PDB file of N, CA and C in Angstrom:
ATOM      1  N   MET A   1       5.392 -23.647  38.415  1.00  0.00           N
ATOM      2  CA  MET A   1       4.526 -22.803  37.167  1.00  0.00           C
ATOM      3  C   MET A   1       5.150 -20.925  37.665  1.00  0.00           C
ATOM      4  N   PHE A   2       4.269 -21.192  39.177  1.00  0.00           N
ATOM      5  CA  PHE A   2       5.436 -20.058  39.513  1.00  0.00           C
ATOM      6  C   PHE A   2       5.679 -19.474  41.458  1.00  0.00           C
ATOM      7  N   PRO A   3       6.843 -19.988  41.137  1.00  0.00           N
ATOM      8  CA  PRO A   3       8.026 -20.504  42.319  1.00  0.00           C
ATOM      9  C   PRO A   3       8.465 -20.067  43.133  1.00  0.00           C
ATOM     10  N   SER A   4       8.829 -19.889  44.167  1.00  0.00           N
ATOM     11  CA  SER A   4       8.690 -18.858  45.395  1.00  0.00           C
ATOM     12  C   SER A   4       9.444 -19.677  46.680  1.00  0.00           C
ATOM     13  N   VAL A   5      10.017 -18.934  47.311  1.00  0.00           N
ATOM     14  CA  VAL A   5      11.073 -19.335  48.470  1.00  0.00           C
ATOM     15  C   VAL A   5      10.790 -18.664  49.548  1.00  0.00           C
ATOM     16  N   GLY A   6      11.261 -19.270  50.479  1.00  0.00           N
ATOM     17  CA  GLY A   6      11.508 -17.769  52.042  1.00  0.00           C
ATOM     18  C   GLY A   6      11.648 -18.673  53.071  1.00  0.00           C
ATOM     19  N   ALA A   7      13.208 -17.985  54.582  1.00  0.00           N
ATOM     20  CA  ALA A   7      13.572 -18.558  54.549  1.00  0.00           C
ATOM     21  C   ALA A   7      13.619 -17.198  55.937  1.00  0.00           C
ATOM     22  N   GLY A   8      13.895 -17.764  57.560  1.00  0.00           N
ATOM     23  CA  GLY A   8      13.584 -17.039  58.452  1.00  0.00           C
ATOM     24  C   GLY A   8      14.650 -17.815  59.428  1.00  0.00           C
ATOM     25  N   TRP A   9      15.354 -16.652  59.815  1.00  0.00           N
ATOM     26  CA  TRP A   9      16.323 -17.479  61.166  1.00  0.00           C
ATOM     27  C   TRP A   9      15.850 -16.436  62.305  1.00  0.00           C
ATOM     28  N   VAL A  10      15.892 -17.751  63.822  1.00  0.00           N
ATOM     29  CA  VAL A  10      14.986 -16.525  64.352  1.00  0.00           C
ATOM     30  C   VAL A  10      16.466 -16.906  65.821  1.00  0.00           C
ATOM     31  N   LEU A  11      17.273 -15.422  65.532  1.00  0.00           N
ATOM     32  CA  LEU A  11      18.901 -14.942  66.077  1.00  0.00           C
ATOM     33  C   LEU A  11      18.549 -15.161  67.723  1.00  0.00           C
ATOM     34  N   SER A  12      17.392 -14.903  68.077  1.00  0.00           N
ATOM     35  CA  SER A  12      16.884 -14.074  69.372  1.00  0.00           C
ATOM     36  C   SER A  12      17.685 -15.818  70.577  1.00  0.00           C
ATOM     37  N   GLU A  13      17.483 -16.800  69.992  1.00  0.00           N
ATOM     38  CA  GLU A  13      17.639 -18.755  70.018  1.00  0.00           C
ATOM     39  C   GLU A  13      19.390 -18.577  70.343  1.00  0.00           C
ATOM     40  N   GLU A  14      19.770 -17.909  69.673  1.00  0.00           N
ATOM     41  CA  GLU A  14      21.504 -17.870  68.736  1.00  0.00           C
ATOM     42  C   GLU A  14      22.412 -17.425  70.425  1.00  0.00           C
ATOM     43  N   ASN A  15      23.142 -18.097  70.435  1.00  0.00           N
ATOM     44  CA  ASN A  15      24.096 -18.076  71.902  1.00  0.00           C
ATOM     45  C   ASN A  15      24.525 -16.745  72.072  1.00  0.00           C
ATOM     46  N   PHE A  16      24.979 -16.064  71.327  1.00  0.00           N
ATOM     47  CA  PHE A  16      25.811 -14.522  70.315  1.00  0.00           C
ATOM     48  C   PHE A  16      24.343 -13.750  70.570  1.00  0.00           C
ATOM     49  N   MET A  17      23.732 -14.192  70.115  1.00  0.00           N
ATOM     50  CA  MET A  17      22.206 -13.033  70.903  1.00  0.00           C
ATOM     51  C   MET A  17      21.064 -13.472  71.975  1.00  0.00           C
ATOM     52  N   LYS A  18      21.764 -13.877  73.396  1.00  0.00           N
ATOM     53  CA  LYS A  18      20.909 -13.426  74.190  1.00  0.00           C
ATOM     54  C   LYS A  18      21.233 -12.800  75.021  1.00  0.00           C
ATOM     55  N   ALA A  19      20.323 -12.463  75.380  1.00  0.00           N
ATOM     56  CA  ALA A  19      20.301 -10.874  76.236  1.00  0.00           C
ATOM     57  C   ALA A  19      18.690 -10.960  77.015  1.00  0.00           C
ATOM     58  N   PRO A  20      19.467 -10.496  78.517  1.00  0.00           N
ATOM     59  CA  PRO A  20      17.580 -10.475  79.568  1.00  0.00           C
ATOM     60  C   PRO A  20      16.711  -9.597  78.995  1.00  0.00           C
ATOM     61  N   TRP A  21      17.055  -8.426  77.662  1.00  0.00           N
ATOM     62  CA  TRP A  21      15.837  -7.934  77.514  1.00  0.00           C
ATOM     63  C   TRP A  21      15.296  -7.618  76.049  1.00  0.00           C
ATOM     64  N   LEU A  22      15.617  -8.964  75.286  1.00  0.00           N
ATOM     65  CA  LEU A  22      15.840  -9.624  73.700  1.00  0.00           C
ATOM     66  C   LEU A  22      14.667 -10.697  74.122  1.00  0.00           C
ATOM     67  N   ASN A  23      13.156 -10.974  73.972  1.00  0.00           N
ATOM     68  CA  ASN A  23      12.955 -11.816  73.550  1.00  0.00           C
ATOM     69  C   ASN A  23      12.754 -12.919  72.597  1.00  0.00           C
ATOM     70  N   LEU A  24      12.663 -12.392  71.628  1.00  0.00           N
ATOM     71  CA  LEU A  24      12.735 -12.572  70.021  1.00  0.00           C
ATOM     72  C   LEU A  24      12.449 -11.431  69.108  1.00  0.00           C
ATOM     73  N   PHE A  25      13.935 -12.355  67.943  1.00  0.00           N
ATOM     74  CA  PHE A  25      14.297 -11.502  67.099  1.00  0.00           C
ATOM     75  C   PHE A  25      14.536 -11.963  65.465  1.00  0.00           C
ATOM     76  N   LYS A  26      13.778 -11.669  64.999  1.00  0.00           N
ATOM     77  CA  LYS A  26      13.387 -13.330  63.514  1.00  0.00           C
ATOM     78  C   LYS A  26      13.937 -12.003  62.559  1.00  0.00           C
ATOM     79  N   VAL A  27      14.482 -12.199  61.039  1.00  0.00           N
ATOM     80  CA  VAL A  27      15.294 -11.922  60.521  1.00  0.00           C
ATOM     81  C   VAL A  27      14.804 -13.487  59.519  1.00  0.00           C
ATOM     82  N   ARG A  28      13.709 -12.936  58.360  1.00  0.00           N
ATOM     83  CA  ARG A  28      13.157 -13.288  57.018  1.00  0.00           C
ATOM     84  C   ARG A  28      13.508 -13.000  55.894  1.00  0.00           C
ATOM     85  N   ALA A  29      13.453 -13.383  54.966  1.00  0.00           N
ATOM     86  CA  ALA A  29      13.281 -13.216  53.093  1.00  0.00           C
ATOM     87  C   ALA A  29      12.460 -14.558  52.765  1.00  0.00           C
ATOM     88  N   SER A  30      11.936 -13.604  51.256  1.00  0.00           N
ATOM     89  CA  SER A  30      11.510 -13.646  50.449  1.00  0.00           C
ATOM     90  C   SER A  30      11.713 -14.509  48.611  1.00  0.00           C
ATOM     91  N   TYR A  31      11.406 -14.836  48.165  1.00  0.00           N
ATOM     92  CA  TYR A  31      11.445 -14.768  47.057  1.00  0.00           C
ATOM     93  C   TYR A  31      10.723 -15.145  45.835  1.00  0.00           C
ATOM     94  N   GLY A  32       9.925 -14.367  45.284  1.00  0.00           N
ATOM     95  CA  GLY A  32       9.384 -15.571  44.627  1.00  0.00           C
ATOM     96  C   GLY A  32       8.463 -14.800  43.132  1.00  0.00           C
ATOM     97  N   ILE A  33       8.199 -15.462  42.470  1.00  0.00           N
ATOM     98  CA  ILE A  33       7.341 -14.884  41.082  1.00  0.00           C
ATOM     99  C   ILE A  33       6.104 -15.064  41.063  1.00  0.00           C
ATOM    100  N   ALA A  34       5.135 -14.322  40.939  1.00  0.00           N
ATOM    101  CA  ALA A  34       3.769 -14.074  41.036  1.00  0.00           C
ATOM    102  C   ALA A  34       3.170 -13.618  40.244  1.00  0.00           C
ATOM    103  N   SER A  35       1.768 -13.812  39.650  1.00  0.00           N
ATOM    104  CA  SER A  35       0.957 -13.774  38.684  1.00  0.00           C
ATOM    105  C   SER A  35      -0.422 -13.054  38.643  1.00  0.00           C
ATOM    106  N   ARG A  36      -0.842 -13.354  37.369  1.00  0.00           N
ATOM    107  CA  ARG A  36      -2.084 -12.228  37.589  1.00  0.00           C
ATOM    108  C   ARG A  36      -2.177 -12.242  36.063  1.00  0.00           C
ATOM    109  N   ALA A  37      -3.695 -12.865  35.288  1.00  0.00           N
ATOM    110  CA  ALA A  37      -4.062 -12.637  34.338  1.00  0.00           C
ATOM    111  C   ALA A  37      -4.718 -12.091  34.256  1.00  0.00           C
ATOM    112  N   ASP A  38      -4.848 -10.447  34.491  1.00  0.00           N
ATOM    113  CA  ASP A  38      -6.223  -9.697  34.649  1.00  0.00           C
ATOM    114  C   ASP A  38      -7.325  -9.185  33.124  1.00  0.00           C
ATOM    115  N   TYR A  39      -7.244 -10.098  32.257  1.00  0.00           N
ATOM    116  CA  TYR A  39      -8.177 -10.142  30.979  1.00  0.00           C
ATOM    117  C   TYR A  39      -9.040 -10.252  30.712  1.00  0.00           C
ATOM    118  N   ALA A  40     -10.220 -10.371  29.697  1.00  0.00           N
ATOM    119  CA  ALA A  40     -11.145 -10.494  29.350  1.00  0.00           C
ATOM    120  C   ALA A  40     -10.501 -12.669  28.967  1.00  0.00           C
ATOM    121  N   VAL A  41     -12.681 -13.121  29.143  1.00  0.00           N
ATOM    122  CA  VAL A  41     -12.295 -14.709  28.735  1.00  0.00           C
ATOM    123  C   VAL A  41     -11.562 -15.162  27.105  1.00  0.00           C
ATOM    124  N   ASN A  42     -10.965 -15.615  26.735  1.00  0.00           N
ATOM    125  CA  ASN A  42     -10.771 -16.200  25.290  1.00  0.00           C
ATOM    126  C   ASN A  42     -10.370 -15.315  24.929  1.00  0.00           C
ATOM    127  N   LEU A  43      -9.256 -13.857  25.211  1.00  0.00           N
ATOM    128  CA  LEU A  43      -8.695 -13.283  23.983  1.00  0.00           C
ATOM    129  C   LEU A  43      -8.084 -14.340  23.187  1.00  0.00           C
ATOM    130  N   TYR A  44      -7.315 -15.445  23.923  1.00  0.00           N
ATOM    131  CA  TYR A  44      -6.179 -16.007  22.448  1.00  0.00           C
ATOM    132  C   TYR A  44      -7.033 -16.835  20.972  1.00  0.00           C
ATOM    133  N   LYS A  45      -8.516 -16.478  21.619  1.00  0.00           N
ATOM    134  CA  LYS A  45      -9.459 -17.153  20.223  1.00  0.00           C
ATOM    135  C   LYS A  45      -9.660 -16.499  19.019  1.00  0.00           C
ATOM    136  N   ASP A  46      -9.586 -17.003  17.742  1.00  0.00           N
ATOM    137  CA  ASP A  46     -10.373 -16.327  17.293  1.00  0.00           C
ATOM    138  C   ASP A  46     -11.103 -16.916  16.496  1.00  0.00           C
ATOM    139  N   LEU A  47     -12.716 -15.516  17.428  1.00  0.00           N
ATOM    140  CA  LEU A  47     -14.099 -16.293  17.221  1.00  0.00           C
ATOM    141  C   LEU A  47     -14.704 -15.151  15.501  1.00  0.00           C
ATOM    142  N   TRP A  48     -15.864 -16.310  15.402  1.00  0.00           N
ATOM    143  CA  TRP A  48     -16.569 -16.356  14.311  1.00  0.00           C
ATOM    144  C   TRP A  48     -18.446 -15.557  14.407  1.00  0.00           C
ATOM    145  N   GLY A  49     -18.608 -14.597  13.956  1.00  0.00           N
ATOM    146  CA  GLY A  49     -19.863 -14.402  13.735  1.00  0.00           C
ATOM    147  C   GLY A  49     -20.883 -14.198  12.811  1.00  0.00           C
ATOM    148  N   THR A  50     -22.129 -14.153  13.131  1.00  0.00           N
ATOM    149  CA  THR A  50     -22.833 -14.298  11.644  1.00  0.00           C
ATOM    150  C   THR A  50     -22.996 -12.103  11.001  1.00  0.00           C
ATOM    151  N   GLY A  51     -23.345 -11.829  10.402  1.00  0.00           N
ATOM    152  CA  GLY A  51     -23.638 -10.662   9.513  1.00  0.00           C
ATOM    153  C   GLY A  51     -23.350 -10.461   8.529  1.00  0.00           C
ATOM    154  N   ASN A  52     -23.104  -9.120   8.452  1.00  0.00           N
ATOM    155  CA  ASN A  52     -22.960  -8.255   6.808  1.00  0.00           C
ATOM    156  C   ASN A  52     -23.042  -9.566   5.690  1.00  0.00           C
ATOM    157  N   ALA A  53     -24.587  -9.173   5.411  1.00  0.00           N
ATOM    158  CA  ALA A  53     -25.474  -9.288   3.801  1.00  0.00           C
ATOM    159  C   ALA A  53     -24.166  -9.066   2.823  1.00  0.00           C
ATOM    160  N   PHE A  54     -24.544 -10.361   2.097  1.00  0.00           N
ATOM    161  CA  PHE A  54     -23.655  -9.632   0.664  1.00  0.00           C
ATOM    162  C   PHE A  54     -24.789  -9.964  -0.053  1.00  0.00           C
ATOM    163  N   PHE A  55     -24.304  -8.939  -1.135  1.00  0.00           N
ATOM    164  CA  PHE A  55     -25.248  -9.272  -1.750  1.00  0.00           C
ATOM    165  C   PHE A  55     -24.930  -9.593  -3.337  1.00  0.00           C
ATOM    166  N   PHE A  56     -25.735 -10.602  -4.479  1.00  0.00           N
ATOM    167  CA  PHE A  56     -25.231 -11.275  -6.063  1.00  0.00           C
ATOM    168  C   PHE A  56     -26.098 -11.190  -6.879  1.00  0.00           C
ATOM    169  N   ARG A  57     -26.175 -11.977  -7.601  1.00  0.00           N
ATOM    170  CA  ARG A  57     -27.180 -11.082  -8.857  1.00  0.00           C
ATOM    171  C   ARG A  57     -27.733 -12.407  -9.106  1.00  0.00           C
ATOM    172  N   ASN A  58     -28.757 -12.678  -9.298  1.00  0.00           N
ATOM    173  CA  ASN A  58     -28.957 -14.482  -9.743  1.00  0.00           C
ATOM    174  C   ASN A  58     -29.424 -13.796 -11.540  1.00  0.00           C
ATOM    175  N   GLY A  59     -29.490 -15.458 -11.406  1.00  0.00           N
ATOM    176  CA  GLY A  59     -29.754 -15.702 -13.403  1.00  0.00           C
ATOM    177  C   GLY A  59     -30.677 -14.792 -13.942  1.00  0.00           C
ATOM    178  N   THR A  60     -31.221 -13.603 -13.211  1.00  0.00           N
ATOM    179  CA  THR A  60     -32.982 -12.682 -13.384  1.00  0.00           C
ATOM    180  C   THR A  60     -32.412 -11.505 -12.847  1.00  0.00           C
ATOM    181  N   ASN A  61     -31.026 -10.946 -12.945  1.00  0.00           N
ATOM    182  CA  ASN A  61     -29.876  -9.696 -12.606  1.00  0.00           C
ATOM    183  C   ASN A  61     -30.611  -9.317 -11.618  1.00  0.00           C
ATOM    184  N   ALA A  62     -31.511  -9.921 -10.415  1.00  0.00           N
ATOM    185  CA  ALA A  62     -31.956  -9.211  -9.448  1.00  0.00           C
ATOM    186  C   ALA A  62     -31.227  -9.517  -8.123  1.00  0.00           C
ATOM    187  N   PRO A  63     -30.790  -8.438  -7.465  1.00  0.00           N
ATOM    188  CA  PRO A  63     -30.026  -8.530  -5.776  1.00  0.00           C
ATOM    189  C   PRO A  63     -30.855  -9.361  -5.653  1.00  0.00           C
ATOM    190  N   VAL A  64     -30.021 -10.554  -4.675  1.00  0.00           N
ATOM    191  CA  VAL A  64     -30.444 -10.776  -3.455  1.00  0.00           C
ATOM    192  C   VAL A  64     -29.038 -11.263  -2.773  1.00  0.00           C
ATOM    193  N   SER A  65     -29.787 -10.779  -1.346  1.00  0.00           N
ATOM    194  CA  SER A  65     -28.618 -11.018  -0.349  1.00  0.00           C
ATOM    195  C   SER A  65     -28.478 -12.580   0.438  1.00  0.00           C
ATOM    196  N   SER A  66     -27.496 -12.896   1.028  1.00  0.00           N
ATOM    197  CA  SER A  66     -27.420 -14.038   1.470  1.00  0.00           C
ATOM    198  C   SER A  66     -26.063 -13.568   2.844  1.00  0.00           C
ATOM    199  N   ALA A  67     -26.536 -13.952   4.422  1.00  0.00           N
ATOM    200  CA  ALA A  67     -25.858 -13.927   5.059  1.00  0.00           C
ATOM    201  C   ALA A  67     -23.995 -14.623   5.367  1.00  0.00           C
ATOM    202  N   GLY A  68     -23.554 -13.481   6.012  1.00  0.00           N
ATOM    203  CA  GLY A  68     -22.098 -14.038   5.962  1.00  0.00           C
ATOM    204  C   GLY A  68     -21.373 -14.575   7.217  1.00  0.00           C
ATOM    205  N   MET A  69     -20.354 -14.592   7.262  1.00  0.00           N
ATOM    206  CA  MET A  69     -19.384 -14.804   8.365  1.00  0.00           C
ATOM    207  C   MET A  69     -18.549 -14.184   8.213  1.00  0.00           C
ATOM    208  N   LYS A  70     -17.975 -13.453   9.462  1.00  0.00           N
ATOM    209  CA  LYS A  70     -16.981 -12.410   9.671  1.00  0.00           C
ATOM    210  C   LYS A  70     -16.104 -12.367  10.770  1.00  0.00           C
ATOM    211  N   TYR A  71     -15.084 -11.929  11.361  1.00  0.00           N
ATOM    212  CA  TYR A  71     -13.953 -12.539  12.784  1.00  0.00           C
ATOM    213  C   TYR A  71     -15.510 -11.415  13.532  1.00  0.00           C
ATOM    214  N   THR A  72     -15.308 -12.125  15.163  1.00  0.00           N
ATOM    215  CA  THR A  72     -15.828 -10.586  15.139  1.00  0.00           C
ATOM    216  C   THR A  72     -14.750 -10.620  16.082  1.00  0.00           C
ATOM    217  N   GLN A  73     -13.964 -11.387  16.649  1.00  0.00           N
ATOM    218  CA  GLN A  73     -12.390 -11.190  17.464  1.00  0.00           C
ATOM    219  C   GLN A  73     -11.551 -12.295  16.895  1.00  0.00           C
ATOM    220  N   LEU A  74     -10.702 -11.368  16.496  1.00  0.00           N
ATOM    221  CA  LEU A  74      -9.158 -12.047  16.537  1.00  0.00           C
ATOM    222  C   LEU A  74      -8.028 -12.269  17.711  1.00  0.00           C
ATOM    223  N   GLY A  75      -7.976 -13.538  17.499  1.00  0.00           N
ATOM    224  CA  GLY A  75      -7.041 -14.665  18.505  1.00  0.00           C
ATOM    225  C   GLY A  75      -5.694 -13.730  18.852  1.00  0.00           C
ATOM    226  N   ILE A  76      -5.702 -13.098  20.181  1.00  0.00           N
ATOM    227  CA  ILE A  76      -4.257 -12.492  20.232  1.00  0.00           C
ATOM    228  C   ILE A  76      -3.137 -13.875  21.001  1.00  0.00           C
ATOM    229  N   GLY A  77      -2.307 -14.759  19.338  1.00  0.00           N
ATOM    230  CA  GLY A  77      -1.476 -15.954  19.611  1.00  0.00           C
ATOM    231  C   GLY A  77      -0.723 -16.119  20.638  1.00  0.00           C
ATOM    232  N   ASP A  78       0.183 -14.706  21.349  1.00  0.00           N
ATOM    233  CA  ASP A  78       1.467 -14.689  22.260  1.00  0.00           C
ATOM    234  C   ASP A  78       0.541 -14.228  23.668  1.00  0.00           C
ATOM    235  N   LEU A  79      -0.746 -14.226  23.665  1.00  0.00           N
ATOM    236  CA  LEU A  79      -1.110 -14.233  24.646  1.00  0.00           C
ATOM    237  C   LEU A  79      -0.422 -14.887  26.295  1.00  0.00           C
ATOM    238  N   THR A  80       0.218 -14.021  26.874  1.00  0.00           N
ATOM    239  CA  THR A  80       0.630 -15.281  28.672  1.00  0.00           C
ATOM    240  C   THR A  80       0.381 -13.840  29.926  1.00  0.00           C
ATOM    241  N   TYR A  81       0.954 -14.623  31.098  1.00  0.00           N
ATOM    242  CA  TYR A  81       0.069 -14.643  32.396  1.00  0.00           C
ATOM    243  C   TYR A  81       1.184 -13.318  32.254  1.00  0.00           C
ATOM    244  N   GLU A  82       1.528 -12.063  33.030  1.00  0.00           N
ATOM    245  CA  GLU A  82       1.647 -11.069  33.803  1.00  0.00           C
ATOM    246  C   GLU A  82       2.478 -11.358  34.558  1.00  0.00           C
ATOM    247  N   LYS A  83       3.781 -11.179  34.542  1.00  0.00           N
ATOM    248  CA  LYS A  83       4.976 -12.000  35.619  1.00  0.00           C
ATOM    249  C   LYS A  83       5.352 -10.720  36.539  1.00  0.00           C
ATOM    250  N   SER A  84       5.616 -10.848  37.763  1.00  0.00           N
ATOM    251  CA  SER A  84       6.433 -10.031  38.368  1.00  0.00           C
ATOM    252  C   SER A  84       7.426 -10.973  39.695  1.00  0.00           C
ATOM    253  N   HIS A  85       8.326 -10.427  39.613  1.00  0.00           N
ATOM    254  CA  HIS A  85       9.306 -10.827  40.556  1.00  0.00           C
ATOM    255  C   HIS A  85       9.400 -10.209  42.370  1.00  0.00           C
ATOM    256  N   LYS A  86       9.004 -10.764  42.962  1.00  0.00           N
ATOM    257  CA  LYS A  86       9.113 -10.270  44.298  1.00  0.00           C
ATOM    258  C   LYS A  86       9.710 -10.375  45.348  1.00  0.00           C
ATOM    259  N   PHE A  87      10.788  -9.682  46.346  1.00  0.00           N
ATOM    260  CA  PHE A  87      11.941  -9.625  46.746  1.00  0.00           C
ATOM    261  C   PHE A  87      10.932  -9.335  48.372  1.00  0.00           C
ATOM    262  N   ASN A  88      11.805  -9.910  49.533  1.00  0.00           N
ATOM    263  CA  ASN A  88      10.905  -8.924  50.688  1.00  0.00           C
ATOM    264  C   ASN A  88      11.558  -9.748  51.342  1.00  0.00           C
ATOM    265  N   VAL A  89      12.239  -8.504  52.624  1.00  0.00           N
ATOM    266  CA  VAL A  89      12.755  -9.072  53.020  1.00  0.00           C
ATOM    267  C   VAL A  89      12.217  -8.294  55.572  1.00  0.00           C
ATOM    268  N   GLY A  90      12.778  -9.302  55.960  1.00  0.00           N
ATOM    269  CA  GLY A  90      11.738  -7.647  56.841  1.00  0.00           C
ATOM    270  C   GLY A  90      12.694  -8.431  58.938  1.00  0.00           C
ATOM    271  N   SER A  91      11.854  -7.884  59.264  1.00  0.00           N
ATOM    272  CA  SER A  91      12.788  -8.650  61.249  1.00  0.00           C
ATOM    273  C   SER A  91      11.522  -8.182  61.575  1.00  0.00           C
ATOM    274  N   THR A  92      11.171  -9.397  62.657  1.00  0.00           N
ATOM    275  CA  THR A  92      10.057  -9.361  63.941  1.00  0.00           C
ATOM    276  C   THR A  92      10.751  -9.195  65.404  1.00  0.00           C
ATOM    277  N   SER A  93      11.559  -8.338  66.138  1.00  0.00           N
ATOM    278  CA  SER A  93      11.383  -8.370  67.750  1.00  0.00           C
ATOM    279  C   SER A  93      10.502  -7.642  68.671  1.00  0.00           C
ATOM    280  N   ARG A  94      10.961  -8.959  69.588  1.00  0.00           N
ATOM    281  CA  ARG A  94      10.295  -8.648  70.644  1.00  0.00           C
ATOM    282  C   ARG A  94      11.261  -8.351  72.014  1.00  0.00           C
ATOM    283  N   HIS A  95      10.585  -7.074  72.704  1.00  0.00           N
ATOM    284  CA  HIS A  95      11.180  -6.981  73.632  1.00  0.00           C
ATOM    285  C   HIS A  95      10.563  -7.296  75.383  1.00  0.00           C
ATOM    286  N   SER A  96      11.539  -7.016  76.445  1.00  0.00           N
ATOM    287  CA  SER A  96      10.920  -7.632  78.124  1.00  0.00           C
ATOM    288  C   SER A  96      10.375  -7.004  77.989  1.00  0.00           C
ATOM    289  N   THR A  97      10.518  -5.225  77.671  1.00  0.00           N
ATOM    290  CA  THR A  97      10.113  -4.217  78.618  1.00  0.00           C
ATOM    291  C   THR A  97       9.306  -3.203  78.487  1.00  0.00           C
ATOM    292  N   SER A  98       9.148  -3.866  77.210  1.00  0.00           N
ATOM    293  CA  SER A  98       7.614  -3.842  75.788  1.00  0.00           C
ATOM    294  C   SER A  98       6.905  -4.883  75.624  1.00  0.00           C
ATOM    295  N   SER A  99       5.062  -4.307  75.616  1.00  0.00           N
ATOM    296  CA  SER A  99       4.424  -5.909  75.315  1.00  0.00           C
ATOM    297  C   SER A  99       4.221  -5.411  73.689  1.00  0.00           C
ATOM    298  N   ALA A 100       4.406  -4.322  73.292  1.00  0.00           N
ATOM    299  CA  ALA A 100       4.572  -4.082  71.469  1.00  0.00           C
ATOM    300  C   ALA A 100       5.282  -5.228  70.904  1.00  0.00           C
ATOM    301  N   SER A 101       4.874  -5.172  69.176  1.00  0.00           N
ATOM    302  CA  SER A 101       5.920  -6.795  69.044  1.00  0.00           C
ATOM    303  C   SER A 101       6.292  -5.824  67.419  1.00  0.00           C
ATOM    304  N   PRO A 102       7.136  -5.720  68.058  1.00  0.00           N
ATOM    305  CA  PRO A 102       7.271  -4.026  66.112  1.00  0.00           C
ATOM    306  C   PRO A 102       7.424  -5.208  65.079  1.00  0.00           C
ATOM    307  N   SER A 103       7.258  -5.292  64.047  1.00  0.00           N
ATOM    308  CA  SER A 103       7.494  -5.334  62.939  1.00  0.00           C
ATOM    309  C   SER A 103       7.656  -4.536  62.074  1.00  0.00           C
ATOM    310  N   MET A 104       8.822  -5.065  61.275  1.00  0.00           N
ATOM    311  CA  MET A 104       9.157  -4.273  59.804  1.00  0.00           C
ATOM    312  C   MET A 104       9.163  -5.217  58.269  1.00  0.00           C
ATOM    313  N   HIS A 105       8.997  -4.720  57.175  1.00  0.00           N
ATOM    314  CA  HIS A 105       9.152  -5.933  56.024  1.00  0.00           C
ATOM    315  C   HIS A 105       9.794  -5.109  54.920  1.00  0.00           C
ATOM    316  N   SER A 106      10.104  -4.930  53.750  1.00  0.00           N
ATOM    317  CA  SER A 106      10.885  -4.029  52.260  1.00  0.00           C
ATOM    318  C   SER A 106      10.048  -4.694  51.910  1.00  0.00           C
ATOM    319  N   THR A 107       9.591  -4.568  50.136  1.00  0.00           N
ATOM    320  CA  THR A 107       9.035  -5.778  49.499  1.00  0.00           C
ATOM    321  C   THR A 107       9.945  -4.897  47.878  1.00  0.00           C
ATOM    322  N   THR A 108      10.302  -4.986  47.820  1.00  0.00           N
ATOM    323  CA  THR A 108      10.106  -5.235  45.981  1.00  0.00           C
ATOM    324  C   THR A 108      10.251  -6.173  44.743  1.00  0.00           C
ATOM    325  N   ILE A 109       9.545  -4.990  43.924  1.00  0.00           N
ATOM    326  CA  ILE A 109       9.178  -5.355  42.514  1.00  0.00           C
ATOM    327  C   ILE A 109       9.755  -5.185  41.189  1.00  0.00           C
ATOM    328  N   ALA A 110      10.451  -5.973  40.994  1.00  0.00           N
ATOM    329  CA  ALA A 110      10.835  -6.091  39.501  1.00  0.00           C
ATOM    330  C   ALA A 110      10.614  -6.096  38.347  1.00  0.00           C
ATOM    331  N   PRO A 111      10.844  -4.417  37.344  1.00  0.00           N
ATOM    332  CA  PRO A 111      10.156  -4.122  36.403  1.00  0.00           C
ATOM    333  C   PRO A 111       9.587  -4.703  35.666  1.00  0.00           C
ATOM    334  N   ILE A 112       8.371  -4.681  34.979  1.00  0.00           N
ATOM    335  CA  ILE A 112       7.606  -5.763  34.176  1.00  0.00           C
ATOM    336  C   ILE A 112       8.308  -5.370  32.480  1.00  0.00           C
ATOM    337  N   PHE A 113       8.426  -6.390  31.365  1.00  0.00           N
ATOM    338  CA  PHE A 113       8.666  -6.105  30.425  1.00  0.00           C
ATOM    339  C   PHE A 113       8.138  -6.917  29.421  1.00  0.00           C
ATOM    340  N   LEU A 114       7.403  -7.388  28.282  1.00  0.00           N
ATOM    341  CA  LEU A 114       5.937  -7.699  28.015  1.00  0.00           C
ATOM    342  C   LEU A 114       7.009  -7.436  26.668  1.00  0.00           C
TER     343      LEU A 114
END
């Protein structure tokens, strides 16, 4: 329903990237569709409730009230999940001259049109 795929490549293990000062260099990318349903429960249902007294005249012409039914919520028939398409790229590197492992990434989220 909400697919995703990702891949990574450890370039520092390839012959063309062998260097004594480079311990790790990895690039990665992913794409996926994320979702959320950030709305109240049962918005897709028509709900009925009691209320609204209706007045009728009986045989003696005296008003008589009777309880009725009314819509308390009109359902939204085409309600669906909010979907966002996400594309993420990044890299991680580790150098022999440093104990730190810098990592960077970028995420792009496509606009949502309902």
